[in-house]
Amino acid sequence: MQYRHYKGGLYELVCEATLEADLTPMIIYRAADGSIWARPKTVFFEPVEVDGMLVPRFAPVS
């Protein structure tokens, strides 16, 4: 599934994983340039403030 970052980039959610150290749920995702990234699931899906409004950090692209 594709997601758009609030700054405009497109990313593909690759999978969910678990961080071994403390069992934090993680999201593994791929940028358009092929680089692979990981964020805690709570951070990936949390809203961020932009110009005084809360928007999703990553919004699903239909």
N, C-alpha and C. Protein backbone atom coordinates (compact mmCIF):
# COMPACT_ATOMS: atom_id res chain seq x y z
N MET A 1 0.85 -1.18 0.00
CA MET A 1 0.00 0.00 0.00
C MET A 1 0.89 1.24 0.00
N GLN A 2 0.49 2.26 -0.74
CA GLN A 2 1.26 3.49 -0.81
C GLN A 2 0.72 4.53 0.15
N TYR A 3 1.67 5.32 0.66
CA TYR A 3 1.35 6.42 1.57
C TYR A 3 2.08 7.66 1.10
N ARG A 4 1.46 8.82 1.30
CA ARG A 4 2.10 10.09 0.99
C ARG A 4 2.49 10.76 2.30
N HIS A 5 3.76 11.13 2.41
CA HIS A 5 4.27 11.84 3.58
C HIS A 5 3.71 13.26 3.54
N TYR A 6 3.53 13.87 4.69
CA TYR A 6 2.93 15.20 4.72
C TYR A 6 3.78 16.23 3.98
N LYS A 7 5.07 15.93 3.76
CA LYS A 7 5.93 16.84 2.99
C LYS A 7 5.89 16.52 1.50
N GLY A 8 5.16 15.46 1.10
CA GLY A 8 4.92 15.19 -0.31
C GLY A 8 5.46 13.91 -0.90
N GLY A 9 6.43 13.27 -0.27
CA GLY A 9 7.01 12.05 -0.84
C GLY A 9 6.06 10.87 -0.81
N LEU A 10 6.23 9.96 -1.78
CA LEU A 10 5.45 8.72 -1.82
C LEU A 10 6.28 7.57 -1.27
N TYR A 11 5.65 6.72 -0.47
CA TYR A 11 6.32 5.59 0.16
C TYR A 11 5.42 4.37 0.10
N GLU A 12 6.06 3.22 0.00
CA GLU A 12 5.33 1.95 0.00
C GLU A 12 5.54 1.26 1.34
N LEU A 13 4.47 0.93 2.02
CA LEU A 13 4.58 0.17 3.26
C LEU A 13 4.98 -1.25 2.89
N VAL A 14 6.13 -1.69 3.39
CA VAL A 14 6.67 -3.00 3.05
C VAL A 14 6.11 -4.05 4.00
N CYS A 15 6.20 -3.79 5.31
CA CYS A 15 5.71 -4.75 6.30
C CYS A 15 5.73 -4.11 7.68
N GLU A 16 5.12 -4.81 8.61
CA GLU A 16 5.24 -4.47 10.02
C GLU A 16 6.27 -5.41 10.62
N ALA A 17 7.03 -4.91 11.58
CA ALA A 17 8.07 -5.70 12.23
C ALA A 17 8.05 -5.38 13.72
N THR A 18 8.84 -6.13 14.48
CA THR A 18 8.96 -5.90 15.91
C THR A 18 10.43 -5.64 16.23
N LEU A 19 10.68 -4.54 16.92
CA LEU A 19 12.04 -4.21 17.34
C LEU A 19 12.44 -5.16 18.46
N GLU A 20 13.51 -5.89 18.26
CA GLU A 20 13.93 -6.93 19.19
C GLU A 20 14.22 -6.39 20.58
N ALA A 21 14.83 -5.23 20.68
CA ALA A 21 15.29 -4.70 21.96
C ALA A 21 14.18 -4.50 22.97
N ASP A 22 13.02 -3.99 22.51
CA ASP A 22 11.95 -3.70 23.46
C ASP A 22 10.55 -4.05 22.94
N LEU A 23 10.52 -4.80 21.84
CA LEU A 23 9.27 -5.29 21.23
C LEU A 23 8.37 -4.18 20.68
N THR A 24 8.96 -3.03 20.35
CA THR A 24 8.21 -1.93 19.75
C THR A 24 7.72 -2.34 18.36
N PRO A 25 6.42 -2.19 18.07
CA PRO A 25 5.94 -2.43 16.71
C PRO A 25 6.53 -1.37 15.78
N MET A 26 7.04 -1.82 14.63
CA MET A 26 7.70 -0.94 13.68
C MET A 26 7.03 -1.05 12.30
N ILE A 27 7.15 0.01 11.53
CA ILE A 27 6.71 0.01 10.14
C ILE A 27 7.96 0.10 9.28
N ILE A 28 8.08 -0.81 8.34
CA ILE A 28 9.18 -0.80 7.38
C ILE A 28 8.59 -0.28 6.07
N TYR A 29 9.22 0.73 5.49
CA TYR A 29 8.68 1.32 4.27
C TYR A 29 9.79 1.71 3.31
N ARG A 30 9.42 1.79 2.02
CA ARG A 30 10.37 2.04 0.94
C ARG A 30 10.05 3.36 0.26
N ALA A 31 11.08 4.16 0.07
CA ALA A 31 10.94 5.43 -0.65
C ALA A 31 10.99 5.17 -2.16
N ALA A 32 10.63 6.17 -2.94
CA ALA A 32 10.63 6.05 -4.40
C ALA A 32 12.03 5.76 -4.94
N ASP A 33 13.08 6.19 -4.22
CA ASP A 33 14.44 5.94 -4.69
C ASP A 33 14.95 4.55 -4.29
N GLY A 34 14.09 3.75 -3.64
CA GLY A 34 14.46 2.39 -3.25
C GLY A 34 15.03 2.26 -1.85
N SER A 35 15.31 3.38 -1.19
CA SER A 35 15.85 3.30 0.17
C SER A 35 14.78 2.76 1.13
N ILE A 36 15.23 2.01 2.11
CA ILE A 36 14.33 1.38 3.08
C ILE A 36 14.44 2.13 4.41
N TRP A 37 13.30 2.38 5.01
CA TRP A 37 13.23 3.14 6.26
C TRP A 37 12.39 2.37 7.28
N ALA A 38 12.58 2.72 8.55
CA ALA A 38 11.79 2.12 9.64
C ALA A 38 11.44 3.20 10.64
N ARG A 39 10.21 3.15 11.13
CA ARG A 39 9.75 4.05 12.19
C ARG A 39 8.87 3.23 13.12
N PRO A 40 8.82 3.64 14.39
CA PRO A 40 7.83 3.02 15.26
C PRO A 40 6.43 3.22 14.66
N LYS A 41 5.60 2.22 14.79
CA LYS A 41 4.25 2.27 14.22
C LYS A 41 3.47 3.48 14.73
N THR A 42 3.62 3.79 16.02
CA THR A 42 2.90 4.94 16.58
C THR A 42 3.34 6.24 15.93
N VAL A 43 4.62 6.37 15.60
CA VAL A 43 5.13 7.58 14.96
C VAL A 43 4.68 7.64 13.50
N PHE A 44 4.72 6.51 12.80
CA PHE A 44 4.30 6.47 11.39
C PHE A 44 2.87 6.98 11.24
N PHE A 45 1.98 6.55 12.13
CA PHE A 45 0.56 6.89 11.99
C PHE A 45 0.11 8.10 12.81
N GLU A 46 1.03 8.76 13.53
CA GLU A 46 0.60 9.90 14.35
C GLU A 46 0.40 11.15 13.51
N PRO A 47 -0.48 12.03 13.95
CA PRO A 47 -0.65 13.31 13.25
C PRO A 47 0.49 14.26 13.61
N VAL A 48 0.77 15.18 12.70
CA VAL A 48 1.76 16.23 12.93
C VAL A 48 1.09 17.58 12.67
N GLU A 49 1.60 18.60 13.31
CA GLU A 49 1.02 19.93 13.13
C GLU A 49 1.70 20.63 11.96
N VAL A 50 0.88 21.09 11.01
CA VAL A 50 1.37 21.83 9.85
C VAL A 50 0.51 23.07 9.71
N ASP A 51 1.12 24.23 9.81
CA ASP A 51 0.39 25.50 9.70
C ASP A 51 -0.80 25.55 10.66
N GLY A 52 -0.61 25.05 11.87
CA GLY A 52 -1.65 25.11 12.89
C GLY A 52 -2.71 24.04 12.79
N MET A 53 -2.58 23.13 11.82
CA MET A 53 -3.56 22.07 11.66
C MET A 53 -2.89 20.72 11.85
N LEU A 54 -3.62 19.74 12.38
CA LEU A 54 -3.11 18.38 12.51
C LEU A 54 -3.43 17.62 11.23
N VAL A 55 -2.38 17.04 10.65
CA VAL A 55 -2.52 16.22 9.44
C VAL A 55 -1.79 14.91 9.68
N PRO A 56 -2.16 13.85 8.97
CA PRO A 56 -1.44 12.59 9.14
C PRO A 56 0.01 12.72 8.67
N ARG A 57 0.95 12.14 9.42
CA ARG A 57 2.35 12.12 8.96
C ARG A 57 2.43 11.38 7.62
N PHE A 58 1.74 10.25 7.51
CA PHE A 58 1.64 9.48 6.29
C PHE A 58 0.16 9.21 6.03
N ALA A 59 -0.33 9.62 4.88
CA ALA A 59 -1.74 9.41 4.53
C ALA A 59 -1.82 8.37 3.42
N PRO A 60 -2.74 7.39 3.53
CA PRO A 60 -2.87 6.38 2.48
C PRO A 60 -3.26 7.03 1.14
N VAL A 61 -2.71 6.47 0.07
CA VAL A 61 -3.02 6.92 -1.29
C VAL A 61 -3.91 5.86 -1.91
N SER A 62 -5.07 6.28 -2.41
CA SER A 62 -5.99 5.30 -3.00
C SER A 62 -5.75 5.11 -4.46
